[in-house]
Amino acid sequence: MSLGRRGLLQANQILKMFCIWKVGDGTSIRAVSQPWVHGQIPKFRDNVNLGTATTTRVADLILPNNQGWNTRMIHRFFIPHDARMIQSMELPYRPTEKDRFYWPLTRSGNYSTKSGYGLLLRHQQNETYNMTTPIGSKFFRQLWGLNIMPKWKLFVWKIWHNCLATSSNLLKRNITTTSHCATCLDDYEDDQHIFRFCPLAIEAWVASDLQINPSGPADISMADWLELWMDKFLKEDGFGGLRLPQFIGTLWAIWKARNGQVFSHIRATEEVYQCHLRESHQQHVRFLRDDHPPFIPPPAPNYGPPPGLLSIKLGKLQGFHPDIIIQIDGSWDKSTGFGGVGWVAMRQSRPFRNKGEFLFASSALHTEALACLSAIKWVRSMNLANVLIITDSALLVTFLGSKAREDITIHYTLDAIRTEAGELPSCSLLKVNRDQVQMAHVLALNCRKTRLSLE
């Protein structure tokens, strides 16, 4: 198997470890062994026997016809905290919805290269630090903090880890059949030989004014040798010193001269090395000059549309003057998962009907969406035609307006809102200021704090 294919398979396995379940009908998820509660596996109570725990599927915890969670069974099976977390999760609007995996590191639940790369990078760094001594950890913190080109940082990182494409490393991977040095024809070319003991390297260090003896001490590894000299230059010159960039530039020029010999058959002489050294110095100077771009003022904090201009049409028709206006709002406590939703219906600026409900929710946005769904269901039950719903949540309006940008954690609730509102002749959702939904806010807050539903 090639290195490329092996790397792809390894990355695929790591990424799969971080995918979590989105509960649909619950038939595919084992409650005891798969991460289905906000990416975690819930804990069963001690009095639940092992046979029951291992055979329980999430479908067993859902009421018939998808009418909601079976709260009695959930509290009998799981510890209180996890029981509340389960109740805070939404269930699908359509009972035929199947369980599926989603990617938790993006809001939409869809995988992105950026989030996957960030995850793999953190995973790789954790593995690196696990294999690194405290001195090595200090070395990497210093390396990443240097004001040098990123390609130089990566280059030093590769030398420290012995993962440059030297002849000896390529031979170990059965990519080449020889480990000799193309520059001096030595039998074994590794990073120690290239940067310390090869005649080209010795000439380079002797010609520099860094006063480095490449052959001493001879009994330390290349990683330790790097740490020794970089730590010396940092202690004596600081991060703004000139000798450390010169040291790394010399390593880079040696490597470039060696690669010219290997790939382009350009003899790695001292003149060729000096040419690469001058080029590396010019690149570093150019990097320092370009590292301070002109100041660009940050955008204004209120870059979104002002209240009153962010709206979405949800009903069948558009352009009708609303018969009633409904305020909606939600309240949520992150530590407990307790939530409250409230809505107040007004006709000619006078409230004539309201409802508040205590429930469990996964986020403040979830409570806002549930409040909207509750209001729309009431409108349908009353056979009302033209409705304007006002909210202080810009995210709710944005997500309902674009399926591509919606939040995966409230996907089913948003789907229910679109379906229910789509049956109304005219229904619009409008973003307003907080003080314009104050009555609904007070109602939702009281429901959450008292854990009571009010009507």
Protein backbone atom coordinates (compact mmCIF):
# COMPACT_ATOMS: atom_id res chain seq x y z
CA MET A 1 0.00 0.00 0.00
CA SER A 2 1.37 3.42 -0.96
CA LEU A 3 2.13 6.11 1.60
CA GLY A 4 -0.55 8.35 0.10
CA ARG A 5 -3.29 5.73 0.35
CA ARG A 6 -2.16 4.77 3.85
CA GLY A 7 -2.35 8.42 4.92
CA LEU A 8 -5.85 8.85 3.47
CA LEU A 9 -7.12 5.74 5.27
CA GLN A 10 -5.59 6.87 8.54
CA ALA A 11 -7.13 10.33 8.19
CA ASN A 12 -10.49 8.76 7.35
CA GLN A 13 -10.41 6.64 10.52
CA ILE A 14 -9.56 9.65 12.68
CA LEU A 15 -12.33 11.77 11.16
CA LYS A 16 -14.89 8.97 11.63
CA MET A 17 -14.08 8.88 15.33
CA PHE A 18 -15.40 12.44 15.68
CA CYS A 19 -18.68 12.02 13.78
CA ILE A 20 -21.76 11.76 16.00
CA TRP A 21 -25.33 10.56 15.57
CA LYS A 22 -28.35 12.66 14.68
CA VAL A 23 -31.34 10.77 16.07
CA GLY A 24 -34.07 9.97 13.55
CA ASP A 25 -36.29 6.98 14.23
CA GLY A 26 -33.65 5.63 16.64
CA THR A 27 -33.56 2.11 15.22
CA SER A 28 -29.88 2.23 14.21
CA ILE A 29 -28.43 3.52 17.49
CA ARG A 30 -27.53 1.41 20.51
CA ALA A 31 -28.10 3.53 23.60
CA VAL A 32 -25.20 2.09 25.58
CA SER A 33 -22.33 2.15 23.10
CA GLN A 34 -22.73 4.96 20.54
CA PRO A 35 -22.36 8.74 20.93
CA TRP A 36 -25.88 10.04 20.37
CA VAL A 37 -26.44 12.59 23.19
CA HIS A 38 -24.68 15.74 21.98
CA GLY A 39 -21.71 13.60 20.96
CA GLN A 40 -21.56 11.66 24.25
CA ILE A 41 -22.64 8.20 25.38
CA PRO A 42 -25.20 8.56 28.20
CA LYS A 43 -24.65 6.74 31.50
CA PHE A 44 -27.16 4.16 32.67
CA ARG A 45 -28.22 4.01 36.32
CA ASP A 46 -26.55 1.39 38.49
CA ASN A 47 -29.82 -0.52 39.01
CA VAL A 48 -30.31 -1.15 35.27
CA ASN A 49 -29.17 -4.69 34.49
CA LEU A 50 -26.55 -5.25 31.84
CA GLY A 51 -28.83 -7.22 29.53
CA THR A 52 -31.36 -4.40 29.37
CA ALA A 53 -28.67 -1.78 28.79
CA THR A 54 -27.00 -3.67 25.93
CA THR A 55 -30.25 -4.40 24.07
CA THR A 56 -31.82 -0.93 24.43
CA ARG A 57 -31.96 1.10 21.27
CA VAL A 58 -32.84 4.77 21.06
CA ALA A 59 -36.09 3.82 19.30
CA ASP A 60 -37.21 2.18 22.56
CA LEU A 61 -37.01 5.60 24.28
CA ILE A 62 -39.33 7.32 21.78
CA LEU A 63 -43.13 7.28 22.13
CA PRO A 64 -45.21 5.63 19.36
CA ASN A 65 -45.81 7.69 16.21
CA ASN A 66 -42.88 9.91 17.18
CA GLN A 67 -44.92 11.82 19.78
CA GLY A 68 -41.82 12.71 21.79
CA TRP A 69 -39.43 11.19 24.29
CA ASN A 70 -40.64 8.57 26.75
CA THR A 71 -39.61 10.64 29.76
CA ARG A 72 -40.61 7.97 32.31
CA MET A 73 -38.37 5.35 30.70
CA ILE A 74 -35.53 7.84 30.21
CA HIS A 75 -35.47 8.83 33.89
CA ARG A 76 -35.70 5.16 34.91
CA PHE A 77 -32.73 4.17 32.76
CA PHE A 78 -30.30 7.13 32.87
CA ILE A 79 -28.66 9.31 35.49
CA PRO A 80 -30.47 12.67 36.02
CA HIS A 81 -28.00 14.86 34.11
CA ASP A 82 -27.98 12.64 31.04
CA ALA A 83 -31.76 12.23 31.21
CA ARG A 84 -32.14 16.00 30.96
CA MET A 85 -29.69 16.13 28.05
CA ILE A 86 -31.70 13.48 26.18
CA GLN A 87 -34.93 15.39 26.71
CA SER A 88 -33.28 18.54 25.35
CA MET A 89 -32.66 16.87 21.97
CA GLU A 90 -35.11 17.42 19.16
CA LEU A 91 -36.91 14.59 17.40
CA PRO A 92 -37.77 14.58 13.70
CA TYR A 93 -40.99 16.13 12.45
CA ARG A 94 -41.48 13.17 10.11
CA PRO A 95 -41.48 9.70 11.76
CA THR A 96 -39.82 8.17 8.67
CA GLU A 97 -36.58 10.12 9.23
CA LYS A 98 -33.61 7.77 9.59
CA ASP A 99 -30.68 8.07 11.97
CA ARG A 100 -27.56 9.54 10.39
CA PHE A 101 -24.05 10.71 11.17
CA TYR A 102 -23.13 14.36 11.08
CA TRP A 103 -19.94 16.39 11.47
CA PRO A 104 -20.07 18.29 14.80
CA LEU A 105 -17.33 20.83 14.02
CA THR A 106 -19.45 22.84 11.58
CA ARG A 107 -22.78 24.44 12.32
CA SER A 108 -24.44 22.85 9.30
CA GLY A 109 -23.23 19.35 10.19
CA ASN A 110 -21.55 19.02 6.80
CA TYR A 111 -17.85 18.21 6.63
CA SER A 112 -15.51 21.00 5.53
CA THR A 113 -11.86 20.70 4.60
CA LYS A 114 -10.99 23.57 6.95
CA SER A 115 -12.53 21.94 10.03
CA GLY A 116 -11.13 18.51 9.15
CA TYR A 117 -7.63 19.89 8.65
CA GLY A 118 -7.83 21.76 11.96
CA LEU A 119 -8.90 18.58 13.75
CA LEU A 120 -6.12 16.49 12.20
CA LEU A 121 -3.57 19.19 13.01
CA ARG A 122 -4.60 19.26 16.68
CA HIS A 123 -4.57 15.45 16.75
CA GLN A 124 -1.09 15.40 15.23
CA GLN A 125 0.18 18.04 17.65
CA ASN A 126 -1.17 16.06 20.60
CA GLU A 127 0.64 12.96 19.39
CA THR A 128 3.80 15.03 18.94
CA TYR A 129 3.68 16.41 22.44
CA ASN A 130 3.00 12.96 23.86
CA MET A 131 6.26 11.77 22.28
CA THR A 132 8.22 14.89 23.17
CA THR A 133 10.20 15.62 26.30
CA PRO A 134 9.48 18.84 28.21
CA ILE A 135 12.62 20.32 26.62
CA GLY A 136 11.23 19.42 23.19
CA SER A 137 7.92 21.08 24.02
CA LYS A 138 9.77 24.26 24.94
CA PHE A 139 11.69 24.05 21.66
CA PHE A 140 8.46 23.92 19.61
CA ARG A 141 6.92 26.83 21.49
CA GLN A 142 10.02 28.85 20.69
CA LEU A 143 10.03 27.71 17.05
CA TRP A 144 6.39 28.68 16.39
CA GLY A 145 7.04 32.07 18.01
CA LEU A 146 9.95 33.00 15.75
CA ASN A 147 9.48 35.80 13.22
CA ILE A 148 10.65 33.73 10.27
CA MET A 149 9.00 32.38 7.15
CA PRO A 150 6.45 29.59 7.77
CA LYS A 151 8.29 27.31 5.33
CA TRP A 152 11.41 27.64 7.51
CA LYS A 153 9.43 26.67 10.60
CA LEU A 154 8.08 23.59 8.81
CA PHE A 155 11.56 22.78 7.55
CA VAL A 156 13.05 22.86 11.09
CA TRP A 157 10.09 20.81 12.34
CA LYS A 158 10.86 18.16 9.70
CA ILE A 159 14.54 18.06 10.64
CA TRP A 160 13.67 17.62 14.33
CA HIS A 161 11.32 14.72 13.51
CA ASN A 162 13.72 13.15 11.00
CA CYS A 163 11.08 13.18 8.25
CA LEU A 164 12.99 14.85 5.43
CA ALA A 165 13.30 12.81 2.22
CA THR A 166 16.88 11.74 2.87
CA SER A 167 18.25 8.67 1.11
CA SER A 168 18.20 6.64 4.31
CA ASN A 169 14.54 7.49 4.99
CA LEU A 170 13.55 6.69 1.42
CA LEU A 171 15.37 3.36 1.64
CA LYS A 172 13.47 2.46 4.81
CA ARG A 173 10.22 2.99 2.91
CA ASN A 174 11.44 0.95 -0.08
CA ILE A 175 11.23 4.00 -2.36
CA THR A 176 14.91 3.84 -3.36
CA THR A 177 17.49 1.07 -3.43
CA THR A 178 20.43 3.00 -2.03
CA SER A 179 21.18 5.21 0.96
CA HIS A 180 24.34 6.88 -0.34
CA CYS A 181 24.87 10.65 -0.36
CA ALA A 182 24.66 12.14 -3.85
CA THR A 183 26.93 15.02 -2.84
CA CYS A 184 29.94 13.15 -1.43
CA LEU A 185 29.01 9.51 -2.23
CA ASP A 186 29.09 8.55 1.45
CA ASP A 187 27.41 5.20 2.14
CA TYR A 188 24.71 6.57 4.46
CA GLU A 189 22.88 9.87 4.04
CA ASP A 190 20.71 10.92 7.00
CA ASP A 191 19.94 14.36 8.41
CA GLN A 192 23.04 14.25 10.61
CA HIS A 193 25.23 13.64 7.56
CA ILE A 194 23.58 16.28 5.36
CA PHE A 195 23.68 19.15 7.87
CA ARG A 196 26.77 18.30 9.96
CA PHE A 197 29.22 15.78 8.53
CA CYS A 198 28.99 16.10 4.75
CA PRO A 199 31.96 18.07 3.28
CA LEU A 200 29.46 20.61 1.87
CA ALA A 201 28.00 21.20 5.36
CA ILE A 202 31.44 21.47 6.97
CA GLU A 203 32.51 24.08 4.38
CA ALA A 204 29.26 26.00 4.97
CA TRP A 205 29.65 26.19 8.76
CA VAL A 206 33.33 27.07 8.54
CA ALA A 207 32.56 29.89 6.09
CA SER A 208 29.83 31.37 8.31
CA ASP A 209 30.53 33.71 11.23
CA LEU A 210 28.32 31.73 13.62
CA GLN A 211 31.34 29.90 15.11
CA ILE A 212 29.64 26.52 14.89
CA ASN A 213 31.66 23.32 14.97
CA PRO A 214 29.38 20.91 13.07
CA SER A 215 31.21 17.78 14.24
CA GLY A 216 30.88 18.50 17.93
CA PRO A 217 29.47 17.19 20.09
CA ALA A 218 29.34 14.08 17.92
CA ASP A 219 27.28 11.84 20.23
CA ILE A 220 24.01 13.81 20.22
CA SER A 221 21.06 13.47 17.89
CA MET A 222 20.17 15.98 15.21
CA ALA A 223 17.16 17.11 17.27
CA ASP A 224 19.35 17.77 20.30
CA TRP A 225 21.91 19.57 18.14
CA LEU A 226 19.18 21.84 16.77
CA GLU A 227 17.87 22.59 20.26
CA LEU A 228 21.40 23.30 21.52
CA TRP A 229 22.20 26.03 18.98
CA MET A 230 18.74 27.57 18.69
CA ASP A 231 18.46 27.84 22.47
CA LYS A 232 21.93 29.44 22.61
CA PHE A 233 21.06 32.09 20.02
CA LEU A 234 17.71 32.85 21.65
CA LYS A 235 19.22 33.27 25.10
CA GLU A 236 22.03 35.49 23.88
CA ASP A 237 20.26 37.52 21.17
CA GLY A 238 16.53 37.22 21.94
CA PHE A 239 13.76 36.62 19.40
CA GLY A 240 14.83 39.61 17.35
CA GLY A 241 18.46 38.51 16.97
CA LEU A 242 20.19 38.08 13.62
CA ARG A 243 22.13 34.87 14.26
CA LEU A 244 19.13 32.54 14.56
CA PRO A 245 17.69 33.41 11.11
CA GLN A 246 21.22 33.07 9.72
CA PHE A 247 21.50 29.62 11.34
CA ILE A 248 18.22 28.41 9.85
CA GLY A 249 19.04 30.07 6.51
CA THR A 250 22.30 28.10 6.40
CA LEU A 251 20.45 24.82 7.00
CA TRP A 252 18.01 25.79 4.24
CA ALA A 253 20.79 26.66 1.77
CA ILE A 254 22.57 23.34 2.45
CA TRP A 255 19.32 21.46 1.80
CA LYS A 256 18.65 23.42 -1.41
CA ALA A 257 22.17 22.75 -2.72
CA ARG A 258 21.79 19.04 -1.90
CA ASN A 259 18.41 18.88 -3.70
CA GLY A 260 19.93 20.56 -6.76
CA GLN A 261 22.48 17.76 -6.90
CA VAL A 262 19.82 15.04 -6.49
CA PHE A 263 17.07 16.31 -8.77
CA SER A 264 18.75 18.65 -11.28
CA HIS A 265 22.27 17.17 -11.32
CA ILE A 266 23.73 20.58 -10.44
CA ARG A 267 26.98 19.94 -8.61
CA ALA A 268 26.63 20.96 -4.95
CA THR A 269 29.68 23.21 -4.71
CA GLU A 270 30.41 26.01 -2.28
CA GLU A 271 29.50 28.56 -4.98
CA VAL A 272 26.06 26.97 -5.43
CA TYR A 273 25.58 26.91 -1.66
CA GLN A 274 26.53 30.62 -1.38
CA CYS A 275 23.99 31.44 -4.09
CA HIS A 276 21.22 29.68 -2.13
CA LEU A 277 22.38 31.38 1.07
CA ARG A 278 22.06 34.84 -0.50
CA GLU A 279 18.65 33.91 -1.86
CA SER A 280 17.46 32.72 1.56
CA HIS A 281 18.70 35.94 3.17
CA GLN A 282 16.82 38.02 0.60
CA GLN A 283 13.64 36.02 1.18
CA HIS A 284 13.91 36.54 4.94
CA VAL A 285 14.43 40.30 4.54
CA ARG A 286 11.45 40.47 2.19
CA PHE A 287 9.35 38.49 4.67
CA LEU A 288 10.22 40.90 7.50
CA ARG A 289 9.34 43.86 5.31
CA ASP A 290 6.00 42.39 4.22
CA ASP A 291 5.17 41.16 7.73
CA HIS A 292 3.77 44.57 8.67
CA PRO A 293 0.92 45.28 6.22
CA PRO A 294 -0.82 48.68 6.25
CA PHE A 295 -3.46 49.06 8.91
CA ILE A 296 -6.99 48.29 7.72
CA PRO A 297 -9.76 49.39 10.10
CA PRO A 298 -11.95 46.51 11.31
CA PRO A 299 -15.52 46.41 10.04
CA ALA A 300 -18.22 48.05 12.09
CA PRO A 301 -19.67 45.68 14.71
CA ASN A 302 -23.20 46.02 13.33
CA TYR A 303 -22.40 44.67 9.89
CA GLY A 304 -25.73 42.86 9.52
CA PRO A 305 -28.96 44.41 8.30
CA PRO A 306 -30.67 46.69 10.81
CA PRO A 307 -33.83 45.54 12.61
CA GLY A 308 -36.84 45.64 10.34
CA LEU A 309 -34.95 44.67 7.18
CA LEU A 310 -34.21 41.01 7.99
CA SER A 311 -37.31 38.97 7.23
CA ILE A 312 -38.46 35.78 5.56
CA LYS A 313 -41.74 34.75 3.90
CA LEU A 314 -42.95 31.34 5.10
CA GLY A 315 -46.58 31.14 3.86
CA LYS A 316 -48.04 30.27 0.48
CA LEU A 317 -48.68 33.85 -0.61
CA GLN A 318 -46.90 37.15 -0.11
CA GLY A 319 -47.83 40.80 0.21
CA PHE A 320 -50.86 40.62 2.53
CA HIS A 321 -51.23 42.99 5.46
CA PRO A 322 -51.09 40.91 8.68
CA ASP A 323 -54.28 40.45 10.67
CA ILE A 324 -52.31 39.65 13.83
CA ILE A 325 -48.76 40.09 15.06
CA ILE A 326 -47.19 37.46 17.33
CA GLN A 327 -44.20 38.13 19.57
CA ILE A 328 -42.02 35.06 20.24
CA ASP A 329 -39.05 34.53 22.52
CA GLY A 330 -37.16 31.80 24.35
CA SER A 331 -35.10 31.52 27.52
CA TRP A 332 -32.47 28.86 28.24
CA ASP A 333 -30.17 27.81 31.08
CA LYS A 334 -27.03 26.10 29.74
CA SER A 335 -26.08 24.43 33.03
CA THR A 336 -29.36 22.53 33.40
CA GLY A 337 -30.82 22.42 29.89
CA PHE A 338 -34.01 24.01 31.23
CA GLY A 339 -35.81 26.21 28.76
CA GLY A 340 -38.90 28.33 28.44
CA VAL A 341 -40.77 29.51 25.37
CA GLY A 342 -43.42 32.19 25.11
CA TRP A 343 -45.54 33.90 22.51
CA VAL A 344 -48.06 36.73 22.66
CA ALA A 345 -50.62 37.33 19.88
CA MET A 346 -51.71 40.94 19.30
CA ARG A 347 -54.46 42.50 17.26
CA GLN A 348 -54.36 46.26 16.74
CA SER A 349 -51.41 46.46 19.20
CA ARG A 350 -53.42 44.78 21.97
CA PRO A 351 -52.57 41.30 23.27
CA PHE A 352 -55.48 38.88 23.16
CA ARG A 353 -53.82 35.48 23.52
CA ASN A 354 -50.54 34.16 24.95
CA LYS A 355 -48.87 30.92 25.85
CA GLY A 356 -45.77 29.95 27.80
CA GLU A 357 -44.23 26.52 28.16
CA PHE A 358 -41.45 24.92 30.21
CA LEU A 359 -39.32 22.40 28.33
CA PHE A 360 -35.81 21.07 27.79
CA ALA A 361 -33.70 22.52 24.99
CA SER A 362 -30.19 22.22 23.59
CA SER A 363 -29.54 25.94 23.07
CA ALA A 364 -31.06 29.40 23.28
CA LEU A 365 -31.68 29.25 19.54
CA HIS A 366 -33.53 25.97 20.04
CA THR A 367 -35.96 27.63 22.46
CA GLU A 368 -36.50 30.48 19.99
CA ALA A 369 -37.33 27.99 17.23
CA LEU A 370 -39.67 26.03 19.51
CA ALA A 371 -41.49 29.24 20.42
CA CYS A 372 -41.96 29.99 16.72
CA LEU A 373 -43.25 26.46 16.05
CA SER A 374 -45.69 26.67 18.96
CA ALA A 375 -47.08 29.98 17.70
CA ILE A 376 -47.52 28.69 14.14
CA LYS A 377 -49.33 25.56 15.36
CA TRP A 378 -51.73 27.75 17.32
CA VAL A 379 -52.33 29.94 14.25
CA ARG A 380 -53.23 26.86 12.20
CA SER A 381 -55.55 25.55 14.90
CA MET A 382 -57.39 28.90 14.87
CA ASN A 383 -57.61 28.99 11.04
CA LEU A 384 -56.00 32.42 10.93
CA ALA A 385 -54.82 33.62 7.53
CA ASN A 386 -52.37 36.53 7.59
CA VAL A 387 -49.76 36.47 10.37
CA LEU A 388 -46.57 38.36 11.12
CA ILE A 389 -44.24 36.75 13.68
CA ILE A 390 -41.58 38.99 15.24
CA THR A 391 -38.41 37.74 16.93
CA ASP A 392 -35.17 39.22 18.23
CA SER A 393 -33.14 36.29 16.83
CA ALA A 394 -31.37 37.11 13.57
CA LEU A 395 -30.06 33.55 13.39
CA LEU A 396 -33.54 32.05 13.38
CA VAL A 397 -34.59 34.23 10.44
CA THR A 398 -31.32 33.48 8.60
CA PHE A 399 -31.51 29.71 9.07
CA LEU A 400 -35.16 29.53 8.03
CA GLY A 401 -34.27 31.45 4.89
CA SER A 402 -31.49 29.10 3.78
CA LYS A 403 -31.34 25.34 4.27
CA ALA A 404 -27.67 25.37 3.33
CA ARG A 405 -26.80 27.56 6.32
CA GLU A 406 -29.04 26.06 9.00
CA ASP A 407 -27.94 24.66 12.36
CA ILE A 408 -27.84 20.84 12.38
CA THR A 409 -28.82 20.69 16.07
CA ILE A 410 -32.26 22.21 15.30
CA HIS A 411 -32.68 20.85 11.77
CA TYR A 412 -35.91 18.99 12.57
CA THR A 413 -37.45 21.99 14.33
CA LEU A 414 -36.67 24.26 11.39
CA ASP A 415 -38.14 21.67 9.04
CA ALA A 416 -41.32 21.56 11.13
CA ILE A 417 -41.62 25.36 11.06
CA ARG A 418 -41.30 25.46 7.27
CA THR A 419 -43.85 22.66 6.84
CA GLU A 420 -46.45 24.09 9.25
CA ALA A 421 -46.06 27.69 8.03
CA GLY A 422 -46.16 26.54 4.41
CA GLU A 423 -49.82 25.60 4.93
CA LEU A 424 -50.79 29.16 5.90
CA PRO A 425 -51.97 31.66 3.28
CA SER A 426 -49.58 34.36 4.52
CA CYS A 427 -46.93 34.06 7.24
CA SER A 428 -43.80 36.15 7.66
CA LEU A 429 -40.99 36.19 10.22
CA LEU A 430 -39.34 39.53 11.01
CA LYS A 431 -36.25 40.39 13.06
CA VAL A 432 -36.90 43.23 15.54
CA ASN A 433 -35.28 44.74 18.64
CA ARG A 434 -35.46 43.02 22.02
CA ASP A 435 -37.86 45.60 23.49
CA GLN A 436 -40.43 44.77 20.78
CA VAL A 437 -40.76 41.19 22.09
CA GLN A 438 -40.59 42.10 25.77
CA MET A 439 -43.94 40.52 26.70
CA ALA A 440 -42.96 37.18 25.16
CA HIS A 441 -39.53 37.39 26.81
CA VAL A 442 -41.00 37.85 30.29
CA LEU A 443 -43.38 34.94 29.71
CA ALA A 444 -40.59 32.60 28.54
CA LEU A 445 -38.32 33.63 31.42
CA ASN A 446 -41.03 32.96 34.01
CA CYS A 447 -41.77 29.55 32.54
CA ARG A 448 -38.13 28.55 32.71
CA LYS A 449 -37.63 29.78 36.27
CA THR A 450 -40.86 28.34 37.69
CA ARG A 451 -40.75 25.19 35.50
CA LEU A 452 -44.42 25.71 34.75
CA SER A 453 -46.41 26.10 31.55
CA LEU A 454 -48.77 29.09 31.43
CA GLU A 455 -51.66 29.88 29.14
